[in-house]
Amino acid sequence: MMLNQQDWKRLQAPILWLGVALVVVGLLAFYAKNYHDEKRVALEQQRTQLNQARQKYLSSGQEREMIVQYLPLYQQLIATGFIGEERRIEWIEALRQIHLQHKLFSIDYNISQQATMHPSYLSNLGSFILHSSTMRLNFGLLHEGDLLTLLDNLRAQSTGFIVRECTVTKLSRAKINPTMLTDYLDASCDIDWITLRDPQLRTPL
């Protein structure tokens, strides 16, 4: 069937309205999809925020438990000088007290400059930095027990030191005289004093 000019004129209005309807339907579908996508994104964001809030709540509870559990130990380590600024004066005073209490022979000491440690077995210290200062001790001994007395008493008064090396040699200048107390041995020890410090915090001494 062939359409003449009059037929086309009669169909112009319906075709125009059909085109308008198709455009409107397309726009409605487009906005409906966008609305659905926005609601889906908003729902996912709300779920994410809810999960984050839940995790934060759980972690805060765990942090409180850890603080309650480890705070006494942390305070003890601060009190003993392991955490915070190094306490050279206290180290020297501890040596002096041990020397006087046990009537040891004279002790010479030298403390090196503090250095940063990076031990491979401590890879995760958080914000803390591990420091070490080496103390070289030279002193005379009546017998080997004096060395153990010094180290045991030093360990009882202080924490955070490692005995790196000790050597004991016999003095050849004198014969053993049972009636006179004198040093017959010479000892030399290297001790590493260890401190753990957070550069962002000022720990009271």
Foldseek 3Di string as FASTA:
>chain_A
DDDDPVNVVVCPVVVVVVVVVVVVVVVVVVVVVVVVVVVVVVVVVVVVVVVVVVVVVVVVVVVVVVCVVCVVVVVVCLVQQQEADHDPVVLVVLLVVLCVVVVFFDKDKDKADKDWDDDPVCPDPDQKTKIKIKMKIKGFDLDPVSVVSSVVSSVVRHDAKDWPDKDKDADPPDDDDPVDRDGGIMMITIMIHMHIYRPVDHRDD
